Amino acid sequence: MSKLTIALDIMGGDHGPPVTLPAALKAIQQHSELHFILCGKETLIAPCLQSLTTEQRERISIAHCEQVVEMGESPRSALRTKKSSSMRKAIELVDEGVADACVSAGNTGALLTLAFYILKTLPGVDRPALISMMPTVDHHKVFLLDLGANVNCTAEILFQYGVMGSVLAEQISGIQRPRVALLNVGEEDIKGNAQVKHADQLFRQAAEINYIGYVEGDDIFTDNADVVVTDGFTGNVALKSSEGLAKLVINELRQHSQANIFTRLMAKIALPLLKSIYNRVNPDQYNGASLIGLRGIVVKSHGNASSDAFYYAILEAMKEARIGVPEKIKNKIETVLLEQL
């Protein structure tokens, strides 16, 4: 793709332009094929573009939006009363084909509602899902979904998640026949609720999916599966717990490395190792959950994301736009559904 256009909700998130704009400037400087449509208040955006070269500035346009979806605003309110918001405009640009993807760090519930309302789901997909990569042993990664789009999921929806997650793992990570697993309270067949057991049966009937059965919570990080499927409630708890643990590890490394002269000396000697550990567990580089199953590409950044983290969300949108994720998912869903007929 010689030209890639991303619509950014500049106003979204806990911090808004002070975080989103530096990330956009970094991306435009490092990727010559990238074009941005910055959705937000022009008076806040325009002055920040002065540092760009003429060529870089020509690859940015501003879609002025008077309204902002607040982080605590209800999805219904965002849908009904914020028709000129930066979040809605970014999604509409994808729907109109003007942008190849959009990125927002705004209110998750509002983003899900607006994206579902404007873009609609692909044929054969009942509900979109939030999916993101997480680190595993041996420098591999696992795709975990759903991360909070749907708290209550039927067996059929869990099965659709597995199909969509399999496509993303194959296209993004280049994994042939990704291993798909269901998150459960045990690996034994007798364990799990009715939805999980029914979903297990659906997966076993689908030869197109490389289904390996149940995995437990600790298996998320052991490279036993490439895609782990669960409902939005459980997935969100797993994600936030892992991020909290990663921050704890990083904080402990920092504190102990500066405790005294001896530990500071040891930290300098071990600096390459410490950097490697930091880069592996730092949640920022895994920022950018994809809202898959829609007729367009929407990437959700953490609301409290740093500028670096928001930059990684932009990179995720770029990757998905390059390979045409919605079309790939559509084709896979159709193949699997035909197989079950």
C-alpha atoms as a PDB file:
ATOM      1  CA  MET A   1       0.000   0.000   0.000  1.00  0.00           C
ATOM      2  CA  SER A   2       1.812   3.122  -1.245  1.00  0.00           C
ATOM      3  CA  LYS A   3      -0.440   5.521   0.672  1.00  0.00           C
ATOM      4  CA  LEU A   4      -1.891   4.813   4.072  1.00  0.00           C
ATOM      5  CA  THR A   5      -4.435   7.163   5.638  1.00  0.00           C
ATOM      6  CA  ILE A   6      -5.226   6.940   9.345  1.00  0.00           C
ATOM      7  CA  ALA A   7      -7.881   8.998  11.116  1.00  0.00           C
ATOM      8  CA  LEU A   8      -6.878   9.899  14.672  1.00  0.00           C
ATOM      9  CA  ASP A   9      -9.206  10.927  17.474  1.00  0.00           C
ATOM     10  CA  ILE A  10      -6.826  13.570  18.828  1.00  0.00           C
ATOM     11  CA  MET A  11      -9.127  14.593  21.690  1.00  0.00           C
ATOM     12  CA  GLY A  12      -9.688  11.114  23.142  1.00  0.00           C
ATOM     13  CA  GLY A  13      -8.147   9.632  26.272  1.00  0.00           C
ATOM     14  CA  ASP A  14      -7.296  10.838  29.755  1.00  0.00           C
ATOM     15  CA  HIS A  15      -4.734  13.333  28.439  1.00  0.00           C
ATOM     16  CA  GLY A  16      -5.884  14.177  24.886  1.00  0.00           C
ATOM     17  CA  PRO A  17      -3.657  16.276  22.564  1.00  0.00           C
ATOM     18  CA  PRO A  18      -0.556  16.387  24.846  1.00  0.00           C
ATOM     19  CA  VAL A  19      -0.255  12.620  24.308  1.00  0.00           C
ATOM     20  CA  THR A  20      -1.890  11.948  20.950  1.00  0.00           C
ATOM     21  CA  LEU A  21      -0.269  14.773  18.973  1.00  0.00           C
ATOM     22  CA  PRO A  22       3.384  13.905  19.793  1.00  0.00           C
ATOM     23  CA  ALA A  23       2.643  10.303  18.817  1.00  0.00           C
ATOM     24  CA  ALA A  24       1.179  11.468  15.501  1.00  0.00           C
ATOM     25  CA  LEU A  25       4.195  13.692  14.804  1.00  0.00           C
ATOM     26  CA  LYS A  26       6.586  10.835  15.554  1.00  0.00           C
ATOM     27  CA  ALA A  27       4.683   8.514  13.218  1.00  0.00           C
ATOM     28  CA  ILE A  28       4.500  11.013  10.346  1.00  0.00           C
ATOM     29  CA  GLN A  29       8.248  11.608  10.604  1.00  0.00           C
ATOM     30  CA  GLN A  30       9.139   7.915  10.566  1.00  0.00           C
ATOM     31  CA  HIS A  31       6.742   6.573   7.915  1.00  0.00           C
ATOM     32  CA  SER A  32       6.802   8.323   4.550  1.00  0.00           C
ATOM     33  CA  GLU A  33       3.731   6.492   3.235  1.00  0.00           C
ATOM     34  CA  LEU A  34       1.595   7.620   6.162  1.00  0.00           C
ATOM     35  CA  HIS A  35      -1.103  10.295   5.937  1.00  0.00           C
ATOM     36  CA  PHE A  36      -3.146  11.511   8.890  1.00  0.00           C
ATOM     37  CA  ILE A  37      -6.543  13.092   9.297  1.00  0.00           C
ATOM     38  CA  LEU A  38      -6.437  14.615  12.762  1.00  0.00           C
ATOM     39  CA  CYS A  39      -9.931  14.855  14.242  1.00  0.00           C
ATOM     40  CA  GLY A  40     -10.301  17.459  16.952  1.00  0.00           C
ATOM     41  CA  LYS A  41     -10.171  21.163  17.747  1.00  0.00           C
ATOM     42  CA  GLU A  42      -8.135  22.933  15.076  1.00  0.00           C
ATOM     43  CA  THR A  43      -6.940  25.646  17.441  1.00  0.00           C
ATOM     44  CA  LEU A  44      -5.201  23.001  19.542  1.00  0.00           C
ATOM     45  CA  ILE A  45      -3.836  20.950  16.647  1.00  0.00           C
ATOM     46  CA  ALA A  46      -2.519  23.503  14.129  1.00  0.00           C
ATOM     47  CA  PRO A  47       0.171  25.151  16.317  1.00  0.00           C
ATOM     48  CA  CYS A  48       1.724  21.740  17.054  1.00  0.00           C
ATOM     49  CA  LEU A  49       2.411  21.067  13.375  1.00  0.00           C
ATOM     50  CA  GLN A  50       4.876  23.917  12.939  1.00  0.00           C
ATOM     51  CA  SER A  51       7.905  21.718  13.603  1.00  0.00           C
ATOM     52  CA  LEU A  52       7.158  19.506  10.583  1.00  0.00           C
ATOM     53  CA  THR A  53       8.757  19.870   7.193  1.00  0.00           C
ATOM     54  CA  THR A  54       6.640  21.058   4.273  1.00  0.00           C
ATOM     55  CA  GLU A  55       6.457  17.501   2.910  1.00  0.00           C
ATOM     56  CA  GLN A  56       5.354  16.106   6.266  1.00  0.00           C
ATOM     57  CA  ARG A  57       2.790  18.870   6.757  1.00  0.00           C
ATOM     58  CA  GLU A  58       1.267  18.095   3.368  1.00  0.00           C
ATOM     59  CA  ARG A  59       0.520  14.578   4.597  1.00  0.00           C
ATOM     60  CA  ILE A  60      -1.650  15.868   7.444  1.00  0.00           C
ATOM     61  CA  SER A  61      -5.129  17.332   7.278  1.00  0.00           C
ATOM     62  CA  ILE A  62      -7.326  18.526  10.125  1.00  0.00           C
ATOM     63  CA  ALA A  63     -10.982  17.624  10.517  1.00  0.00           C
ATOM     64  CA  HIS A  64     -12.223  20.248  12.944  1.00  0.00           C
ATOM     65  CA  CYS A  65     -14.596  18.846  15.575  1.00  0.00           C
ATOM     66  CA  GLU A  66     -16.241  20.973  18.221  1.00  0.00           C
ATOM     67  CA  GLN A  67     -17.377  18.123  20.457  1.00  0.00           C
ATOM     68  CA  VAL A  68     -15.443  15.660  22.600  1.00  0.00           C
ATOM     69  CA  VAL A  69     -16.723  12.369  24.020  1.00  0.00           C
ATOM     70  CA  GLU A  70     -15.824  12.515  27.715  1.00  0.00           C
ATOM     71  CA  MET A  71     -14.215   9.513  29.384  1.00  0.00           C
ATOM     72  CA  GLY A  72     -17.090   9.079  31.817  1.00  0.00           C
ATOM     73  CA  GLU A  73     -19.873   9.735  29.306  1.00  0.00           C
ATOM     74  CA  SER A  74     -22.466   7.061  28.644  1.00  0.00           C
ATOM     75  CA  PRO A  75     -22.357   5.343  25.237  1.00  0.00           C
ATOM     76  CA  ARG A  76     -25.974   6.323  24.645  1.00  0.00           C
ATOM     77  CA  SER A  77     -25.177   9.977  25.244  1.00  0.00           C
ATOM     78  CA  ALA A  78     -22.167   9.804  22.916  1.00  0.00           C
ATOM     79  CA  LEU A  79     -24.333   8.266  20.192  1.00  0.00           C
ATOM     80  CA  ARG A  80     -27.264  10.672  20.523  1.00  0.00           C
ATOM     81  CA  THR A  81     -25.734  13.997  21.481  1.00  0.00           C
ATOM     82  CA  LYS A  82     -22.135  13.947  20.221  1.00  0.00           C
ATOM     83  CA  LYS A  83     -22.677  13.772  16.470  1.00  0.00           C
ATOM     84  CA  SER A  84     -19.863  16.258  15.874  1.00  0.00           C
ATOM     85  CA  SER A  85     -17.330  14.606  18.174  1.00  0.00           C
ATOM     86  CA  SER A  86     -13.751  13.786  17.213  1.00  0.00           C
ATOM     87  CA  MET A  87     -14.352  10.107  17.971  1.00  0.00           C
ATOM     88  CA  ARG A  88     -17.397   9.860  15.731  1.00  0.00           C
ATOM     89  CA  LYS A  89     -15.691  11.762  12.906  1.00  0.00           C
ATOM     90  CA  ALA A  90     -12.707   9.378  12.918  1.00  0.00           C
ATOM     91  CA  ILE A  91     -15.020   6.374  12.589  1.00  0.00           C
ATOM     92  CA  GLU A  92     -17.131   8.054   9.895  1.00  0.00           C
ATOM     93  CA  LEU A  93     -13.996   8.687   7.812  1.00  0.00           C
ATOM     94  CA  VAL A  94     -13.340   4.926   7.814  1.00  0.00           C
ATOM     95  CA  ASP A  95     -16.947   4.212   6.881  1.00  0.00           C
ATOM     96  CA  GLU A  96     -16.750   6.681   3.985  1.00  0.00           C
ATOM     97  CA  GLY A  97     -13.539   5.090   2.694  1.00  0.00           C
ATOM     98  CA  VAL A  98     -11.574   8.305   3.224  1.00  0.00           C
ATOM     99  CA  ALA A  99      -9.400   6.683   5.922  1.00  0.00           C
ATOM    100  CA  ASP A 100      -8.016   3.133   5.927  1.00  0.00           C
ATOM    101  CA  ALA A 101      -8.263   2.873   9.727  1.00  0.00           C
ATOM    102  CA  CYS A 102      -8.867   4.962  12.837  1.00  0.00           C
ATOM    103  CA  VAL A 103      -7.308   5.116  16.299  1.00  0.00           C
ATOM    104  CA  SER A 104      -8.815   6.454  19.512  1.00  0.00           C
ATOM    105  CA  ALA A 105      -7.833   6.436  23.183  1.00  0.00           C
ATOM    106  CA  GLY A 106     -11.291   7.614  24.158  1.00  0.00           C
ATOM    107  CA  ASN A 107     -14.167   6.148  26.135  1.00  0.00           C
ATOM    108  CA  THR A 108     -14.207   2.399  25.360  1.00  0.00           C
ATOM    109  CA  GLY A 109     -17.966   1.959  25.665  1.00  0.00           C
ATOM    110  CA  ALA A 110     -18.643   4.939  23.417  1.00  0.00           C
ATOM    111  CA  LEU A 111     -16.097   3.779  20.846  1.00  0.00           C
ATOM    112  CA  LEU A 112     -17.646   0.300  20.731  1.00  0.00           C
ATOM    113  CA  THR A 113     -21.153   1.691  20.399  1.00  0.00           C
ATOM    114  CA  LEU A 114     -20.284   4.222  17.702  1.00  0.00           C
ATOM    115  CA  ALA A 115     -18.168   1.759  15.712  1.00  0.00           C
ATOM    116  CA  PHE A 116     -20.896  -0.894  15.876  1.00  0.00           C
ATOM    117  CA  TYR A 117     -23.563   1.651  14.856  1.00  0.00           C
ATOM    118  CA  ILE A 118     -21.620   3.274  12.016  1.00  0.00           C
ATOM    119  CA  LEU A 119     -19.507   0.478  10.551  1.00  0.00           C
ATOM    120  CA  LYS A 120     -21.705  -2.563  11.309  1.00  0.00           C
ATOM    121  CA  THR A 121     -20.341  -6.081  11.656  1.00  0.00           C
ATOM    122  CA  LEU A 122     -19.152  -8.398   8.908  1.00  0.00           C
ATOM    123  CA  PRO A 123     -21.561 -11.074   7.628  1.00  0.00           C
ATOM    124  CA  GLY A 124     -21.553 -14.011  10.028  1.00  0.00           C
ATOM    125  CA  VAL A 125     -20.256 -11.949  12.962  1.00  0.00           C
ATOM    126  CA  ASP A 126     -22.729 -11.174  15.747  1.00  0.00           C
ATOM    127  CA  ARG A 127     -20.529  -8.978  17.930  1.00  0.00           C
ATOM    128  CA  PRO A 128     -17.125  -7.329  17.453  1.00  0.00           C
ATOM    129  CA  ALA A 129     -14.326  -8.192  19.877  1.00  0.00           C
ATOM    130  CA  LEU A 130     -11.369  -6.360  21.349  1.00  0.00           C
ATOM    131  CA  ILE A 131      -8.146  -8.263  20.738  1.00  0.00           C
ATOM    132  CA  SER A 132      -4.532  -7.535  21.571  1.00  0.00           C
ATOM    133  CA  MET A 133      -1.162  -9.264  21.703  1.00  0.00           C
ATOM    134  CA  MET A 134       0.555 -10.237  24.944  1.00  0.00           C
ATOM    135  CA  PRO A 135       4.100 -11.548  25.544  1.00  0.00           C
ATOM    136  CA  THR A 136       4.885 -15.229  26.112  1.00  0.00           C
ATOM    137  CA  VAL A 137       8.036 -17.224  26.746  1.00  0.00           C
ATOM    138  CA  ASP A 138      10.740 -17.518  24.076  1.00  0.00           C
ATOM    139  CA  HIS A 139       9.899 -14.020  22.752  1.00  0.00           C
ATOM    140  CA  HIS A 140       6.646 -15.163  21.188  1.00  0.00           C
ATOM    141  CA  LYS A 141       3.252 -13.466  21.449  1.00  0.00           C
ATOM    142  CA  VAL A 142      -0.310 -14.604  22.021  1.00  0.00           C
ATOM    143  CA  PHE A 143      -3.548 -12.960  20.871  1.00  0.00           C
ATOM    144  CA  LEU A 144      -6.139 -12.645  23.649  1.00  0.00           C
ATOM    145  CA  LEU A 145      -9.812 -11.842  23.043  1.00  0.00           C
ATOM    146  CA  ASP A 146     -12.316 -10.574  24.066  1.00  0.00           C
ATOM    147  CA  LEU A 147     -10.803  -7.830  26.231  1.00  0.00           C
ATOM    148  CA  GLY A 148     -14.031  -6.163  27.238  1.00  0.00           C
ATOM    149  CA  ALA A 149     -16.288  -5.526  24.259  1.00  0.00           C
ATOM    150  CA  ASN A 150     -18.844  -8.120  25.392  1.00  0.00           C
ATOM    151  CA  VAL A 151     -19.073  -9.205  29.016  1.00  0.00           C
ATOM    152  CA  ASN A 152     -21.635 -11.930  28.296  1.00  0.00           C
ATOM    153  CA  CYS A 153     -20.901 -14.182  25.319  1.00  0.00           C
ATOM    154  CA  THR A 154     -22.776 -17.110  23.846  1.00  0.00           C
ATOM    155  CA  ALA A 155     -20.945 -20.192  22.610  1.00  0.00           C
ATOM    156  CA  GLU A 156     -21.502 -19.056  19.035  1.00  0.00           C
ATOM    157  CA  ILE A 157     -19.881 -15.686  19.722  1.00  0.00           C
ATOM    158  CA  LEU A 158     -16.877 -17.367  21.399  1.00  0.00           C
ATOM    159  CA  PHE A 159     -16.530 -19.529  18.300  1.00  0.00           C
ATOM    160  CA  GLN A 160     -16.613 -16.452  16.039  1.00  0.00           C
ATOM    161  CA  TYR A 161     -13.925 -14.884  18.216  1.00  0.00           C
ATOM    162  CA  GLY A 162     -11.728 -17.909  17.667  1.00  0.00           C
ATOM    163  CA  VAL A 163     -12.119 -17.664  13.904  1.00  0.00           C
ATOM    164  CA  MET A 164     -11.322 -13.948  13.877  1.00  0.00           C
ATOM    165  CA  GLY A 165      -8.399 -14.343  16.261  1.00  0.00           C
ATOM    166  CA  SER A 166      -6.989 -17.100  14.072  1.00  0.00           C
ATOM    167  CA  VAL A 167      -7.050 -14.783  11.048  1.00  0.00           C
ATOM    168  CA  LEU A 168      -5.284 -11.999  12.936  1.00  0.00           C
ATOM    169  CA  ALA A 169      -2.573 -14.328  14.266  1.00  0.00           C
ATOM    170  CA  GLU A 170      -1.993 -15.699  10.789  1.00  0.00           C
ATOM    171  CA  GLN A 171      -1.896 -12.320   9.067  1.00  0.00           C
ATOM    172  CA  ILE A 172      -0.108 -10.210  11.698  1.00  0.00           C
ATOM    173  CA  SER A 173       2.340 -12.785  13.099  1.00  0.00           C
ATOM    174  CA  GLY A 174       2.652 -14.992  10.021  1.00  0.00           C
ATOM    175  CA  ILE A 175       1.657 -18.152  11.930  1.00  0.00           C
ATOM    176  CA  GLN A 176       0.465 -21.017   9.766  1.00  0.00           C
ATOM    177  CA  ARG A 177      -2.616 -22.661  11.306  1.00  0.00           C
ATOM    178  CA  PRO A 178      -2.511 -20.728  14.605  1.00  0.00           C
ATOM    179  CA  ARG A 179      -3.270 -22.793  17.714  1.00  0.00           C
ATOM    180  CA  VAL A 180      -6.629 -21.643  19.115  1.00  0.00           C
ATOM    181  CA  ALA A 181      -7.614 -22.390  22.721  1.00  0.00           C
ATOM    182  CA  LEU A 182     -10.504 -21.630  25.052  1.00  0.00           C
ATOM    183  CA  LEU A 183      -9.686 -20.111  28.444  1.00  0.00           C
ATOM    184  CA  ASN A 184     -11.175 -22.273  31.177  1.00  0.00           C
ATOM    185  CA  VAL A 185     -10.863 -23.067  34.892  1.00  0.00           C
ATOM    186  CA  GLY A 186      -9.151 -26.338  34.018  1.00  0.00           C
ATOM    187  CA  GLU A 187      -8.009 -28.407  31.057  1.00  0.00           C
ATOM    188  CA  GLU A 188     -10.298 -31.337  31.830  1.00  0.00           C
ATOM    189  CA  ASP A 189     -13.414 -31.826  29.696  1.00  0.00           C
ATOM    190  CA  ILE A 190     -15.705 -31.873  32.737  1.00  0.00           C
ATOM    191  CA  LYS A 191     -14.741 -28.335  33.788  1.00  0.00           C
ATOM    192  CA  GLY A 192     -16.220 -25.049  32.609  1.00  0.00           C
ATOM    193  CA  ASN A 193     -19.657 -23.484  32.283  1.00  0.00           C
ATOM    194  CA  ALA A 194     -22.268 -24.374  29.679  1.00  0.00           C
ATOM    195  CA  GLN A 195     -21.166 -21.690  27.221  1.00  0.00           C
ATOM    196  CA  VAL A 196     -17.539 -22.805  27.258  1.00  0.00           C
ATOM    197  CA  LYS A 197     -18.461 -26.486  26.856  1.00  0.00           C
ATOM    198  CA  HIS A 198     -20.758 -25.689  23.934  1.00  0.00           C
ATOM    199  CA  ALA A 199     -18.094 -23.503  22.305  1.00  0.00           C
ATOM    200  CA  ASP A 200     -15.638 -26.370  22.719  1.00  0.00           C
ATOM    201  CA  GLN A 201     -17.960 -28.584  20.674  1.00  0.00           C
ATOM    202  CA  LEU A 202     -18.293 -25.963  17.935  1.00  0.00           C
ATOM    203  CA  PHE A 203     -14.512 -25.634  17.638  1.00  0.00           C
ATOM    204  CA  ARG A 204     -14.051 -29.411  17.429  1.00  0.00           C
ATOM    205  CA  GLN A 205     -16.448 -29.520  14.475  1.00  0.00           C
ATOM    206  CA  ALA A 206     -14.513 -26.889  12.509  1.00  0.00           C
ATOM    207  CA  ALA A 207     -11.631 -28.473  10.608  1.00  0.00           C
ATOM    208  CA  GLU A 208     -10.552 -25.036   9.326  1.00  0.00           C
ATOM    209  CA  ILE A 209      -9.564 -24.003  12.862  1.00  0.00           C
ATOM    210  CA  ASN A 210      -6.519 -25.509  14.574  1.00  0.00           C
ATOM    211  CA  TYR A 211      -8.279 -25.923  17.907  1.00  0.00           C
ATOM    212  CA  ILE A 212      -6.209 -27.388  20.777  1.00  0.00           C
ATOM    213  CA  GLY A 213      -8.790 -27.390  23.587  1.00  0.00           C
ATOM    214  CA  TYR A 214      -8.826 -25.689  26.986  1.00  0.00           C
ATOM    215  CA  VAL A 215      -6.038 -23.689  28.608  1.00  0.00           C
ATOM    216  CA  GLU A 216      -5.836 -22.138  32.075  1.00  0.00           C
ATOM    217  CA  GLY A 217      -4.879 -18.587  33.000  1.00  0.00           C
ATOM    218  CA  ASP A 218      -1.180 -19.301  33.484  1.00  0.00           C
ATOM    219  CA  ASP A 219      -1.025 -20.831  29.990  1.00  0.00           C
ATOM    220  CA  ILE A 220      -1.611 -17.408  28.416  1.00  0.00           C
ATOM    221  CA  PHE A 221       2.088 -16.659  28.841  1.00  0.00           C
ATOM    222  CA  THR A 222       3.572 -20.130  28.208  1.00  0.00           C
ATOM    223  CA  ASP A 223       3.322 -20.230  24.407  1.00  0.00           C
ATOM    224  CA  ASN A 224       0.915 -23.173  24.529  1.00  0.00           C
ATOM    225  CA  ALA A 225      -1.492 -21.324  22.216  1.00  0.00           C
ATOM    226  CA  ASP A 226      -1.365 -18.560  19.628  1.00  0.00           C
ATOM    227  CA  VAL A 227      -4.941 -17.388  20.246  1.00  0.00           C
ATOM    228  CA  VAL A 228      -6.772 -17.568  23.580  1.00  0.00           C
ATOM    229  CA  VAL A 229     -10.542 -17.012  23.502  1.00  0.00           C
ATOM    230  CA  THR A 230     -12.703 -15.922  26.424  1.00  0.00           C
ATOM    231  CA  ASP A 231     -15.559 -13.566  27.286  1.00  0.00           C
ATOM    232  CA  GLY A 232     -14.999  -9.846  27.734  1.00  0.00           C
ATOM    233  CA  PHE A 233     -15.267  -9.884  31.521  1.00  0.00           C
ATOM    234  CA  THR A 234     -12.613 -12.559  32.027  1.00  0.00           C
ATOM    235  CA  GLY A 235     -10.404 -11.231  29.241  1.00  0.00           C
ATOM    236  CA  ASN A 236     -10.396  -7.708  30.627  1.00  0.00           C
ATOM    237  CA  VAL A 237      -9.476  -8.948  34.111  1.00  0.00           C
ATOM    238  CA  ALA A 238      -6.652 -11.061  32.659  1.00  0.00           C
ATOM    239  CA  LEU A 239      -5.336  -8.111  30.634  1.00  0.00           C
ATOM    240  CA  LYS A 240      -5.406  -5.589  33.492  1.00  0.00           C
ATOM    241  CA  SER A 241      -3.891  -8.098  35.919  1.00  0.00           C
ATOM    242  CA  SER A 242      -1.001  -8.831  33.569  1.00  0.00           C
ATOM    243  CA  GLU A 243      -0.386  -5.128  32.969  1.00  0.00           C
ATOM    244  CA  GLY A 244      -0.375  -4.486  36.707  1.00  0.00           C
ATOM    245  CA  LEU A 245       2.137  -7.288  37.227  1.00  0.00           C
ATOM    246  CA  ALA A 246       4.359  -5.927  34.447  1.00  0.00           C
ATOM    247  CA  LYS A 247       4.356  -2.478  36.050  1.00  0.00           C
ATOM    248  CA  LEU A 248       5.211  -4.057  39.403  1.00  0.00           C
ATOM    249  CA  VAL A 249       8.195  -5.874  37.869  1.00  0.00           C
ATOM    250  CA  ILE A 250       9.429  -2.689  36.176  1.00  0.00           C
ATOM    251  CA  ASN A 251       9.040  -0.673  39.382  1.00  0.00           C
ATOM    252  CA  GLU A 252      10.862  -3.300  41.445  1.00  0.00           C
ATOM    253  CA  LEU A 253      13.744  -3.362  38.962  1.00  0.00           C
ATOM    254  CA  ARG A 254      14.055   0.411  39.136  1.00  0.00           C
ATOM    255  CA  GLN A 255      13.913   0.600  42.923  1.00  0.00           C
ATOM    256  CA  HIS A 256      16.355  -2.229  43.606  1.00  0.00           C
ATOM    257  CA  SER A 257      18.814  -1.031  40.984  1.00  0.00           C
ATOM    258  CA  GLN A 258      19.081   2.326  42.794  1.00  0.00           C
ATOM    259  CA  ALA A 259      19.018   1.053  46.381  1.00  0.00           C
ATOM    260  CA  ASN A 260      22.724   1.591  47.145  1.00  0.00           C
ATOM    261  CA  ILE A 261      26.140   1.965  45.536  1.00  0.00           C
ATOM    262  CA  PHE A 262      26.516  -1.783  45.069  1.00  0.00           C
ATOM    263  CA  THR A 263      23.153  -2.241  43.340  1.00  0.00           C
ATOM    264  CA  ARG A 264      23.777   0.819  41.146  1.00  0.00           C
ATOM    265  CA  LEU A 265      27.102  -0.682  40.065  1.00  0.00           C
ATOM    266  CA  MET A 266      25.457  -4.052  39.390  1.00  0.00           C
ATOM    267  CA  ALA A 267      22.678  -2.319  37.462  1.00  0.00           C
ATOM    268  CA  LYS A 268      25.211  -0.686  35.144  1.00  0.00           C
ATOM    269  CA  ILE A 269      26.852  -4.049  34.490  1.00  0.00           C
ATOM    270  CA  ALA A 270      23.484  -5.673  33.896  1.00  0.00           C
ATOM    271  CA  LEU A 271      22.068  -2.736  31.901  1.00  0.00           C
ATOM    272  CA  PRO A 272      21.637  -4.674  28.614  1.00  0.00           C
ATOM    273  CA  LEU A 273      19.792  -7.441  30.472  1.00  0.00           C
ATOM    274  CA  LEU A 274      17.617  -4.968  32.365  1.00  0.00           C
ATOM    275  CA  LYS A 275      16.709  -3.181  29.127  1.00  0.00           C
ATOM    276  CA  SER A 276      15.819  -6.492  27.534  1.00  0.00           C
ATOM    277  CA  ILE A 277      13.526  -7.398  30.435  1.00  0.00           C
ATOM    278  CA  TYR A 278      11.962  -3.934  30.405  1.00  0.00           C
ATOM    279  CA  ASN A 279      11.290  -4.096  26.669  1.00  0.00           C
ATOM    280  CA  ARG A 280       9.707  -7.516  27.032  1.00  0.00           C
ATOM    281  CA  VAL A 281       7.261  -6.661  29.813  1.00  0.00           C
ATOM    282  CA  ASN A 282       6.611  -2.954  29.168  1.00  0.00           C
ATOM    283  CA  PRO A 283       2.846  -2.733  28.498  1.00  0.00           C
ATOM    284  CA  ASP A 284       3.281   0.289  26.205  1.00  0.00           C
ATOM    285  CA  GLN A 285       4.500  -1.797  23.280  1.00  0.00           C
ATOM    286  CA  TYR A 286       1.372  -3.972  23.452  1.00  0.00           C
ATOM    287  CA  ASN A 287      -0.963  -0.987  23.438  1.00  0.00           C
ATOM    288  CA  GLY A 288      -3.562  -0.964  20.721  1.00  0.00           C
ATOM    289  CA  ALA A 289      -6.477  -3.376  20.991  1.00  0.00           C
ATOM    290  CA  SER A 290      -8.167  -4.032  17.664  1.00  0.00           C
ATOM    291  CA  LEU A 291     -11.944  -3.964  17.443  1.00  0.00           C
ATOM    292  CA  ILE A 292     -12.283  -6.855  15.005  1.00  0.00           C
ATOM    293  CA  GLY A 293     -15.396  -8.144  13.276  1.00  0.00           C
ATOM    294  CA  LEU A 294     -16.389  -4.745  11.898  1.00  0.00           C
ATOM    295  CA  ARG A 295     -16.505  -3.586   8.274  1.00  0.00           C
ATOM    296  CA  GLY A 296     -13.595  -1.261   8.979  1.00  0.00           C
ATOM    297  CA  ILE A 297     -10.460  -1.038  11.111  1.00  0.00           C
ATOM    298  CA  VAL A 298     -10.765   0.529  14.556  1.00  0.00           C
ATOM    299  CA  VAL A 299      -7.905   0.428  17.071  1.00  0.00           C
ATOM    300  CA  LYS A 300      -8.481   1.281  20.731  1.00  0.00           C
ATOM    301  CA  SER A 301      -5.597   2.721  22.741  1.00  0.00           C
ATOM    302  CA  HIS A 302      -5.576   2.716  26.535  1.00  0.00           C
ATOM    303  CA  GLY A 303      -7.145   5.874  27.881  1.00  0.00           C
ATOM    304  CA  ASN A 304      -4.145   6.595  30.094  1.00  0.00           C
ATOM    305  CA  ALA A 305      -1.615   5.695  27.416  1.00  0.00           C
ATOM    306  CA  SER A 306       1.648   7.573  27.137  1.00  0.00           C
ATOM    307  CA  SER A 307       2.723   9.150  23.874  1.00  0.00           C
ATOM    308  CA  ASP A 308       4.920   6.122  23.118  1.00  0.00           C
ATOM    309  CA  ALA A 309       2.027   3.776  23.830  1.00  0.00           C
ATOM    310  CA  PHE A 310      -0.308   5.713  21.533  1.00  0.00           C
ATOM    311  CA  TYR A 311       2.378   5.516  18.850  1.00  0.00           C
ATOM    312  CA  TYR A 312       2.271   1.700  19.097  1.00  0.00           C
ATOM    313  CA  ALA A 313      -1.511   1.840  18.623  1.00  0.00           C
ATOM    314  CA  ILE A 314      -0.943   3.793  15.407  1.00  0.00           C
ATOM    315  CA  LEU A 315       1.512   1.128  14.228  1.00  0.00           C
ATOM    316  CA  GLU A 316      -1.106  -1.555  14.903  1.00  0.00           C
ATOM    317  CA  ALA A 317      -3.641   0.301  12.747  1.00  0.00           C
ATOM    318  CA  MET A 318      -1.057   0.595   9.976  1.00  0.00           C
ATOM    319  CA  LYS A 319      -0.324  -3.147  10.013  1.00  0.00           C
ATOM    320  CA  GLU A 320      -3.993  -4.088   9.831  1.00  0.00           C
ATOM    321  CA  ALA A 321      -4.694  -1.604   7.049  1.00  0.00           C
ATOM    322  CA  ARG A 322      -1.803  -2.906   4.963  1.00  0.00           C
ATOM    323  CA  ILE A 323      -3.073  -6.490   5.005  1.00  0.00           C
ATOM    324  CA  GLY A 324      -6.793  -5.686   4.855  1.00  0.00           C
ATOM    325  CA  VAL A 325      -7.859  -7.468   8.050  1.00  0.00           C
ATOM    326  CA  PRO A 326     -11.669  -7.068   7.639  1.00  0.00           C
ATOM    327  CA  GLU A 327     -11.621  -8.702   4.205  1.00  0.00           C
ATOM    328  CA  LYS A 328      -9.430 -11.567   5.474  1.00  0.00           C
ATOM    329  CA  ILE A 329     -11.791 -12.180   8.390  1.00  0.00           C
ATOM    330  CA  LYS A 330     -14.812 -12.030   6.081  1.00  0.00           C
ATOM    331  CA  ASN A 331     -13.328 -14.703   3.815  1.00  0.00           C
ATOM    332  CA  LYS A 332     -12.417 -16.968   6.741  1.00  0.00           C
ATOM    333  CA  ILE A 333     -15.822 -16.625   8.382  1.00  0.00           C
ATOM    334  CA  GLU A 334     -17.539 -17.517   5.116  1.00  0.00           C
ATOM    335  CA  THR A 335     -15.323 -20.591   4.661  1.00  0.00           C
ATOM    336  CA  VAL A 336     -15.964 -21.858   8.172  1.00  0.00           C
ATOM    337  CA  LEU A 337     -19.698 -21.260   7.958  1.00  0.00           C
ATOM    338  CA  LEU A 338     -19.917 -23.117   4.649  1.00  0.00           C
ATOM    339  CA  GLU A 339     -18.006 -26.025   6.199  1.00  0.00           C
ATOM    340  CA  GLN A 340     -20.589 -26.313   8.960  1.00  0.00           C
ATOM    341  CA  LEU A 341     -23.569 -26.412   6.596  1.00  0.00           C
END
